Amino acid sequence: MPNAAQLHLILNHFPIIGTFMVIIVLGYAVYVNDERIKKLGMVLLVFIGLITIPAFLTGGKAERIVKGNEGIVEENIQPHEDYARTSMIAMEITAGVALLGLILFRKEKPAPVYFGVILLLIIIVVNLMMVYTGHLGGKISHSAIL
């Protein structure tokens, strides 16, 4: 069983890679205006929103495990944690919008193109936030990116 630091490192890749995958899915869905693919993108966003919560919550426990260890740059922990909180909130809001879209645009009622475009633009911003959060986290212990 992985400890909290290992679990955090495993989970934190999902929001970064997942949001990038949704950009591709939603981008294609908007381009071809395919309802099923738009809804797939929304479902994926809800899933990524859910997995982002434990990715964030394991961070505090990971901090307690690594603090004081050799090779850890402790002054980089707080900026990572602060930006991770902002990124998580942005992801949860985005997942909420996607869930609202799934509710509003059920089988009989297609999601308008503008809804897909808005979601796509939001998730691009959220993906950039997630990538920067990961960059800040990497600066805690990966000397190659300091």
N, C-alpha and C. Protein backbone atom coordinates (compact mmCIF):
# COMPACT_ATOMS: atom_id res chain seq x y z
N MET A 1 0.85 -1.20 0.00
CA MET A 1 0.00 0.00 0.00
C MET A 1 0.88 1.25 0.00
N PRO A 2 0.64 2.17 -0.94
CA PRO A 2 1.48 3.38 -0.99
C PRO A 2 1.19 4.31 0.19
N ASN A 3 2.23 5.03 0.62
CA ASN A 3 2.00 6.03 1.66
C ASN A 3 1.39 7.28 1.03
N ALA A 4 1.08 8.28 1.85
CA ALA A 4 0.38 9.47 1.35
C ALA A 4 1.18 10.23 0.30
N ALA A 5 2.50 10.28 0.47
CA ALA A 5 3.33 10.98 -0.53
C ALA A 5 3.29 10.25 -1.86
N GLN A 6 3.39 8.93 -1.82
CA GLN A 6 3.33 8.15 -3.06
C GLN A 6 1.94 8.27 -3.71
N LEU A 7 0.91 8.19 -2.89
CA LEU A 7 -0.46 8.32 -3.41
C LEU A 7 -0.66 9.69 -4.04
N HIS A 8 -0.14 10.73 -3.40
CA HIS A 8 -0.26 12.08 -3.95
C HIS A 8 0.42 12.16 -5.32
N LEU A 9 1.60 11.58 -5.43
CA LEU A 9 2.32 11.60 -6.71
C LEU A 9 1.59 10.81 -7.79
N ILE A 10 0.92 9.75 -7.39
CA ILE A 10 0.14 8.96 -8.35
C ILE A 10 -1.09 9.75 -8.81
N LEU A 11 -1.84 10.28 -7.85
CA LEU A 11 -3.11 10.94 -8.17
C LEU A 11 -2.95 12.27 -8.89
N ASN A 12 -1.87 13.00 -8.61
CA ASN A 12 -1.78 14.35 -9.16
C ASN A 12 -1.56 14.38 -10.68
N HIS A 13 -1.28 13.24 -11.27
CA HIS A 13 -1.14 13.21 -12.73
C HIS A 13 -2.50 13.19 -13.43
N PHE A 14 -3.52 12.69 -12.77
CA PHE A 14 -4.85 12.59 -13.39
C PHE A 14 -5.42 13.95 -13.78
N PRO A 15 -5.40 14.96 -12.90
CA PRO A 15 -5.95 16.26 -13.32
C PRO A 15 -5.17 16.90 -14.48
N ILE A 16 -3.87 16.69 -14.51
CA ILE A 16 -3.06 17.29 -15.57
C ILE A 16 -3.32 16.59 -16.90
N ILE A 17 -3.15 15.29 -16.92
CA ILE A 17 -3.33 14.52 -18.15
C ILE A 17 -4.81 14.46 -18.54
N GLY A 18 -5.68 14.31 -17.54
CA GLY A 18 -7.11 14.22 -17.80
C GLY A 18 -7.68 15.46 -18.44
N THR A 19 -7.30 16.63 -17.93
CA THR A 19 -7.82 17.87 -18.52
C THR A 19 -7.30 18.04 -19.95
N PHE A 20 -6.07 17.61 -20.20
CA PHE A 20 -5.54 17.68 -21.57
C PHE A 20 -6.34 16.76 -22.49
N MET A 21 -6.66 15.56 -22.02
CA MET A 21 -7.46 14.63 -22.82
C MET A 21 -8.84 15.21 -23.11
N VAL A 22 -9.43 15.89 -22.14
CA VAL A 22 -10.75 16.49 -22.34
C VAL A 22 -10.68 17.62 -23.37
N ILE A 23 -9.57 18.35 -23.39
CA ILE A 23 -9.40 19.38 -24.42
C ILE A 23 -9.51 18.75 -25.80
N ILE A 24 -8.86 17.62 -25.97
CA ILE A 24 -8.90 16.92 -27.26
C ILE A 24 -10.32 16.43 -27.56
N VAL A 25 -10.95 15.79 -26.57
CA VAL A 25 -12.30 15.24 -26.78
C VAL A 25 -13.29 16.36 -27.07
N LEU A 26 -13.31 17.40 -26.22
CA LEU A 26 -14.28 18.49 -26.42
C LEU A 26 -13.96 19.29 -27.68
N GLY A 27 -12.67 19.47 -27.95
CA GLY A 27 -12.30 20.17 -29.18
C GLY A 27 -12.84 19.46 -30.40
N TYR A 28 -12.68 18.15 -30.43
CA TYR A 28 -13.20 17.37 -31.55
C TYR A 28 -14.73 17.42 -31.58
N ALA A 29 -15.35 17.28 -30.41
CA ALA A 29 -16.82 17.29 -30.32
C ALA A 29 -17.40 18.60 -30.84
N VAL A 30 -16.77 19.70 -30.48
CA VAL A 30 -17.23 21.00 -30.95
C VAL A 30 -17.00 21.13 -32.46
N TYR A 31 -15.85 20.67 -32.91
CA TYR A 31 -15.51 20.77 -34.34
C TYR A 31 -16.51 20.01 -35.21
N VAL A 32 -16.87 18.79 -34.79
CA VAL A 32 -17.80 18.00 -35.61
C VAL A 32 -19.24 18.12 -35.12
N ASN A 33 -19.45 18.86 -34.02
CA ASN A 33 -20.76 19.05 -33.40
C ASN A 33 -21.45 17.71 -33.13
N ASP A 34 -20.74 16.84 -32.43
CA ASP A 34 -21.26 15.52 -32.08
C ASP A 34 -21.73 15.51 -30.63
N GLU A 35 -23.00 15.28 -30.44
CA GLU A 35 -23.62 15.33 -29.12
C GLU A 35 -23.05 14.28 -28.16
N ARG A 36 -22.88 13.07 -28.66
CA ARG A 36 -22.37 12.00 -27.78
C ARG A 36 -20.96 12.29 -27.29
N ILE A 37 -20.14 12.84 -28.17
CA ILE A 37 -18.76 13.14 -27.78
C ILE A 37 -18.73 14.33 -26.82
N LYS A 38 -19.61 15.31 -27.02
CA LYS A 38 -19.70 16.43 -26.06
C LYS A 38 -20.05 15.90 -24.67
N LYS A 39 -21.01 15.00 -24.63
CA LYS A 39 -21.41 14.43 -23.33
C LYS A 39 -20.31 13.57 -22.73
N LEU A 40 -19.56 12.87 -23.57
CA LEU A 40 -18.41 12.12 -23.07
C LEU A 40 -17.41 13.07 -22.41
N GLY A 41 -17.15 14.20 -23.05
CA GLY A 41 -16.26 15.21 -22.48
C GLY A 41 -16.77 15.70 -21.14
N MET A 42 -18.08 15.90 -21.03
CA MET A 42 -18.66 16.36 -19.77
C MET A 42 -18.53 15.30 -18.68
N VAL A 43 -18.76 14.04 -19.04
CA VAL A 43 -18.61 12.94 -18.07
C VAL A 43 -17.16 12.86 -17.62
N LEU A 44 -16.23 12.97 -18.54
CA LEU A 44 -14.81 12.94 -18.17
C LEU A 44 -14.45 14.09 -17.25
N LEU A 45 -15.02 15.26 -17.49
CA LEU A 45 -14.76 16.41 -16.61
C LEU A 45 -15.26 16.16 -15.20
N VAL A 46 -16.43 15.56 -15.09
CA VAL A 46 -16.96 15.25 -13.75
C VAL A 46 -16.03 14.25 -13.05
N PHE A 47 -15.59 13.22 -13.77
CA PHE A 47 -14.67 12.23 -13.20
C PHE A 47 -13.37 12.89 -12.76
N ILE A 48 -12.80 13.75 -13.60
CA ILE A 48 -11.55 14.42 -13.25
C ILE A 48 -11.76 15.34 -12.05
N GLY A 49 -12.92 15.99 -12.01
CA GLY A 49 -13.24 16.82 -10.84
C GLY A 49 -13.25 16.00 -9.57
N LEU A 50 -13.80 14.80 -9.64
CA LEU A 50 -13.85 13.93 -8.46
C LEU A 50 -12.45 13.46 -8.05
N ILE A 51 -11.63 13.09 -9.00
CA ILE A 51 -10.30 12.58 -8.67
C ILE A 51 -9.35 13.69 -8.24
N THR A 52 -9.67 14.93 -8.60
CA THR A 52 -8.85 16.07 -8.18
C THR A 52 -8.93 16.28 -6.68
N ILE A 53 -10.05 15.94 -6.08
CA ILE A 53 -10.22 16.14 -4.64
C ILE A 53 -9.21 15.31 -3.84
N PRO A 54 -9.12 13.98 -4.03
CA PRO A 54 -8.11 13.25 -3.27
C PRO A 54 -6.68 13.62 -3.67
N ALA A 55 -6.47 14.04 -4.92
CA ALA A 55 -5.13 14.50 -5.32
C ALA A 55 -4.73 15.68 -4.45
N PHE A 56 -5.66 16.60 -4.23
CA PHE A 56 -5.37 17.76 -3.38
C PHE A 56 -5.27 17.37 -1.91
N LEU A 57 -6.20 16.57 -1.44
CA LEU A 57 -6.23 16.23 -0.01
C LEU A 57 -5.03 15.43 0.46
N THR A 58 -4.43 14.64 -0.42
CA THR A 58 -3.25 13.87 -0.02
C THR A 58 -2.00 14.75 0.06
N GLY A 59 -2.07 15.97 -0.45
CA GLY A 59 -0.92 16.86 -0.44
C GLY A 59 -0.43 17.22 0.94
N GLY A 60 -1.34 17.50 1.85
CA GLY A 60 -0.95 17.85 3.22
C GLY A 60 -0.24 16.71 3.92
N LYS A 61 -0.75 15.52 3.74
CA LYS A 61 -0.11 14.35 4.34
C LYS A 61 1.24 14.09 3.69
N ALA A 62 1.32 14.29 2.38
CA ALA A 62 2.59 14.12 1.67
C ALA A 62 3.62 15.12 2.20
N GLU A 63 3.17 16.33 2.46
CA GLU A 63 4.06 17.36 3.00
C GLU A 63 4.67 16.92 4.33
N ARG A 64 3.85 16.38 5.20
CA ARG A 64 4.35 15.93 6.50
C ARG A 64 5.37 14.80 6.36
N ILE A 65 5.22 13.97 5.34
CA ILE A 65 6.15 12.86 5.14
C ILE A 65 7.49 13.36 4.58
N VAL A 66 7.47 14.31 3.64
CA VAL A 66 8.70 14.70 2.97
C VAL A 66 9.45 15.84 3.66
N LYS A 67 8.75 16.64 4.47
CA LYS A 67 9.41 17.78 5.12
C LYS A 67 10.59 17.29 5.95
N GLY A 68 11.70 17.96 5.77
CA GLY A 68 12.90 17.61 6.51
C GLY A 68 13.77 16.56 5.83
N ASN A 69 13.26 15.95 4.77
CA ASN A 69 14.05 14.96 4.05
C ASN A 69 15.10 15.64 3.18
N GLU A 70 16.19 14.93 2.95
CA GLU A 70 17.26 15.45 2.09
C GLU A 70 16.73 15.63 0.66
N GLY A 71 17.10 16.74 0.05
CA GLY A 71 16.70 17.00 -1.32
C GLY A 71 15.37 17.72 -1.46
N ILE A 72 14.69 17.97 -0.36
CA ILE A 72 13.40 18.68 -0.39
C ILE A 72 13.65 20.17 -0.23
N VAL A 73 13.11 20.96 -1.14
CA VAL A 73 13.22 22.42 -1.05
C VAL A 73 11.93 22.91 -0.40
N GLU A 74 11.98 23.06 0.92
CA GLU A 74 10.76 23.33 1.69
C GLU A 74 10.09 24.65 1.36
N GLU A 75 10.86 25.64 0.93
CA GLU A 75 10.22 26.93 0.59
C GLU A 75 9.36 26.84 -0.67
N ASN A 76 9.46 25.75 -1.40
CA ASN A 76 8.61 25.57 -2.58
C ASN A 76 7.29 24.86 -2.27
N ILE A 77 7.15 24.38 -1.05
CA ILE A 77 5.93 23.64 -0.70
C ILE A 77 4.72 24.57 -0.64
N GLN A 78 4.83 25.69 0.05
CA GLN A 78 3.68 26.58 0.24
C GLN A 78 3.15 27.16 -1.07
N PRO A 79 4.03 27.65 -1.97
CA PRO A 79 3.48 28.14 -3.25
C PRO A 79 2.74 27.04 -4.03
N HIS A 80 3.28 25.81 -3.97
CA HIS A 80 2.61 24.69 -4.63
C HIS A 80 1.24 24.44 -4.01
N GLU A 81 1.19 24.42 -2.70
CA GLU A 81 -0.07 24.17 -2.00
C GLU A 81 -1.10 25.27 -2.29
N ASP A 82 -0.66 26.51 -2.26
CA ASP A 82 -1.58 27.63 -2.52
C ASP A 82 -2.15 27.57 -3.94
N TYR A 83 -1.28 27.33 -4.92
CA TYR A 83 -1.76 27.28 -6.30
C TYR A 83 -2.59 26.02 -6.56
N ALA A 84 -2.24 24.94 -5.86
CA ALA A 84 -3.02 23.70 -5.99
C ALA A 84 -4.45 23.93 -5.51
N ARG A 85 -4.61 24.69 -4.44
CA ARG A 85 -5.95 24.98 -3.93
C ARG A 85 -6.76 25.77 -4.97
N THR A 86 -6.13 26.78 -5.55
CA THR A 86 -6.81 27.58 -6.57
C THR A 86 -7.17 26.72 -7.79
N SER A 87 -6.25 25.87 -8.20
CA SER A 87 -6.49 24.99 -9.35
C SER A 87 -7.60 24.00 -9.07
N MET A 88 -7.61 23.46 -7.84
CA MET A 88 -8.66 22.50 -7.49
C MET A 88 -10.03 23.18 -7.51
N ILE A 89 -10.11 24.37 -6.96
CA ILE A 89 -11.38 25.10 -6.96
C ILE A 89 -11.84 25.35 -8.40
N ALA A 90 -10.92 25.76 -9.26
CA ALA A 90 -11.27 25.99 -10.68
C ALA A 90 -11.75 24.68 -11.32
N MET A 91 -11.09 23.57 -11.00
CA MET A 91 -11.49 22.28 -11.55
C MET A 91 -12.87 21.88 -11.05
N GLU A 92 -13.14 22.10 -9.77
CA GLU A 92 -14.44 21.72 -9.22
C GLU A 92 -15.56 22.56 -9.82
N ILE A 93 -15.30 23.83 -10.04
CA ILE A 93 -16.31 24.68 -10.69
C ILE A 93 -16.57 24.18 -12.11
N THR A 94 -15.50 23.85 -12.82
CA THR A 94 -15.63 23.34 -14.19
C THR A 94 -16.39 22.02 -14.21
N ALA A 95 -16.06 21.13 -13.27
CA ALA A 95 -16.78 19.85 -13.19
C ALA A 95 -18.25 20.10 -12.87
N GLY A 96 -18.54 21.09 -12.03
CA GLY A 96 -19.93 21.43 -11.72
C GLY A 96 -20.67 21.94 -12.94
N VAL A 97 -20.01 22.75 -13.76
CA VAL A 97 -20.63 23.24 -14.99
C VAL A 97 -20.90 22.06 -15.93
N ALA A 98 -19.94 21.13 -16.01
CA ALA A 98 -20.13 19.94 -16.86
C ALA A 98 -21.30 19.10 -16.35
N LEU A 99 -21.39 18.92 -15.04
CA LEU A 99 -22.50 18.16 -14.47
C LEU A 99 -23.83 18.86 -14.74
N LEU A 100 -23.84 20.15 -14.61
CA LEU A 100 -25.05 20.92 -14.92
C LEU A 100 -25.43 20.72 -16.39
N GLY A 101 -24.42 20.71 -17.27
CA GLY A 101 -24.69 20.47 -18.69
C GLY A 101 -25.28 19.09 -18.93
N LEU A 102 -24.77 18.09 -18.23
CA LEU A 102 -25.32 16.74 -18.37
C LEU A 102 -26.77 16.67 -17.91
N ILE A 103 -27.09 17.45 -16.87
CA ILE A 103 -28.46 17.46 -16.36
C ILE A 103 -29.39 18.24 -17.31
N LEU A 104 -28.93 19.41 -17.73
CA LEU A 104 -29.77 20.26 -18.58
C LEU A 104 -29.97 19.69 -19.98
N PHE A 105 -28.93 19.06 -20.50
CA PHE A 105 -28.97 18.59 -21.88
C PHE A 105 -29.01 17.07 -21.91
N ARG A 106 -30.11 16.54 -21.42
CA ARG A 106 -30.29 15.09 -21.42
C ARG A 106 -30.53 14.58 -22.82
N LYS A 107 -30.90 13.35 -22.96
CA LYS A 107 -31.04 12.68 -24.26
C LYS A 107 -31.81 13.50 -25.29
N GLU A 108 -32.95 14.01 -24.91
CA GLU A 108 -33.81 14.67 -25.89
C GLU A 108 -33.37 16.09 -26.20
N LYS A 109 -32.56 16.68 -25.35
CA LYS A 109 -32.19 18.08 -25.51
C LYS A 109 -30.68 18.19 -25.73
N PRO A 110 -30.25 18.45 -26.96
CA PRO A 110 -28.81 18.50 -27.23
C PRO A 110 -28.15 19.74 -26.62
N ALA A 111 -26.88 19.59 -26.28
CA ALA A 111 -26.11 20.72 -25.76
C ALA A 111 -25.78 21.65 -26.93
N PRO A 112 -26.04 22.93 -26.78
CA PRO A 112 -25.72 23.86 -27.87
C PRO A 112 -24.20 23.94 -28.09
N VAL A 113 -23.82 24.28 -29.29
CA VAL A 113 -22.40 24.39 -29.63
C VAL A 113 -21.71 25.37 -28.68
N TYR A 114 -22.36 26.49 -28.38
CA TYR A 114 -21.73 27.50 -27.52
C TYR A 114 -21.39 26.94 -26.14
N PHE A 115 -22.20 25.99 -25.64
CA PHE A 115 -21.91 25.39 -24.34
C PHE A 115 -20.61 24.59 -24.42
N GLY A 116 -20.45 23.83 -25.48
CA GLY A 116 -19.21 23.07 -25.68
C GLY A 116 -18.01 23.98 -25.83
N VAL A 117 -18.17 25.08 -26.55
CA VAL A 117 -17.08 26.03 -26.75
C VAL A 117 -16.69 26.67 -25.42
N ILE A 118 -17.68 27.09 -24.64
CA ILE A 118 -17.39 27.70 -23.34
C ILE A 118 -16.66 26.71 -22.44
N LEU A 119 -17.15 25.48 -22.38
CA LEU A 119 -16.51 24.45 -21.57
C LEU A 119 -15.08 24.19 -22.06
N LEU A 120 -14.89 24.17 -23.35
CA LEU A 120 -13.56 23.96 -23.93
C LEU A 120 -12.61 25.08 -23.52
N LEU A 121 -13.05 26.31 -23.62
CA LEU A 121 -12.20 27.44 -23.24
C LEU A 121 -11.85 27.40 -21.75
N ILE A 122 -12.83 27.07 -20.93
CA ILE A 122 -12.58 26.98 -19.48
C ILE A 122 -11.57 25.88 -19.18
N ILE A 123 -11.73 24.71 -19.81
CA ILE A 123 -10.86 23.59 -19.49
C ILE A 123 -9.44 23.84 -20.00
N ILE A 124 -9.27 24.63 -21.04
CA ILE A 124 -7.92 25.00 -21.48
C ILE A 124 -7.23 25.80 -20.37
N VAL A 125 -7.94 26.76 -19.80
CA VAL A 125 -7.38 27.55 -18.71
C VAL A 125 -7.08 26.65 -17.51
N VAL A 126 -8.01 25.78 -17.16
CA VAL A 126 -7.82 24.88 -16.01
C VAL A 126 -6.63 23.96 -16.26
N ASN A 127 -6.47 23.47 -17.49
CA ASN A 127 -5.33 22.61 -17.79
C ASN A 127 -4.02 23.37 -17.58
N LEU A 128 -3.95 24.60 -18.03
CA LEU A 128 -2.74 25.40 -17.81
C LEU A 128 -2.49 25.59 -16.32
N MET A 129 -3.54 25.78 -15.55
CA MET A 129 -3.40 25.90 -14.10
C MET A 129 -2.87 24.60 -13.50
N MET A 130 -3.39 23.47 -13.96
CA MET A 130 -2.94 22.17 -13.45
C MET A 130 -1.48 21.92 -13.80
N VAL A 131 -1.09 22.27 -15.02
CA VAL A 131 0.30 22.09 -15.43
C VAL A 131 1.22 22.95 -14.56
N TYR A 132 0.82 24.19 -14.30
CA TYR A 132 1.66 25.07 -13.46
C TYR A 132 1.71 24.54 -12.02
N THR A 133 0.60 24.03 -11.53
CA THR A 133 0.59 23.43 -10.20
C THR A 133 1.58 22.27 -10.14
N GLY A 134 1.56 21.42 -11.16
CA GLY A 134 2.51 20.31 -11.22
C GLY A 134 3.95 20.80 -11.29
N HIS A 135 4.17 21.87 -12.04
CA HIS A 135 5.52 22.45 -12.13
C HIS A 135 5.99 22.91 -10.74
N LEU A 136 5.11 23.60 -10.03
CA LEU A 136 5.47 24.05 -8.69
C LEU A 136 5.75 22.87 -7.76
N GLY A 137 4.96 21.80 -7.89
CA GLY A 137 5.18 20.61 -7.08
C GLY A 137 6.50 19.95 -7.42
N GLY A 138 6.85 19.94 -8.68
CA GLY A 138 8.11 19.34 -9.10
C GLY A 138 9.31 20.10 -8.53
N LYS A 139 9.16 21.38 -8.31
CA LYS A 139 10.25 22.18 -7.75
C LYS A 139 10.53 21.83 -6.29
N ILE A 140 9.64 21.09 -5.66
CA ILE A 140 9.86 20.70 -4.27
C ILE A 140 11.00 19.70 -4.15
N SER A 141 11.07 18.77 -5.11
CA SER A 141 12.10 17.74 -4.96
C SER A 141 12.83 17.35 -6.24
N HIS A 142 12.49 17.91 -7.35
CA HIS A 142 13.16 17.56 -8.60
C HIS A 142 14.14 18.66 -8.98
N SER A 143 15.39 18.47 -8.66
CA SER A 143 16.39 19.52 -8.87
C SER A 143 16.56 19.88 -10.34
N ALA A 144 16.18 19.01 -11.24
CA ALA A 144 16.33 19.29 -12.68
C ALA A 144 15.46 20.44 -13.14
N ILE A 145 14.37 20.77 -12.43
CA ILE A 145 13.49 21.85 -12.88
C ILE A 145 13.52 23.05 -11.95
N LEU A 146 14.46 23.11 -11.05
CA LEU A 146 14.56 24.28 -10.17
C LEU A 146 15.00 25.45 -11.00
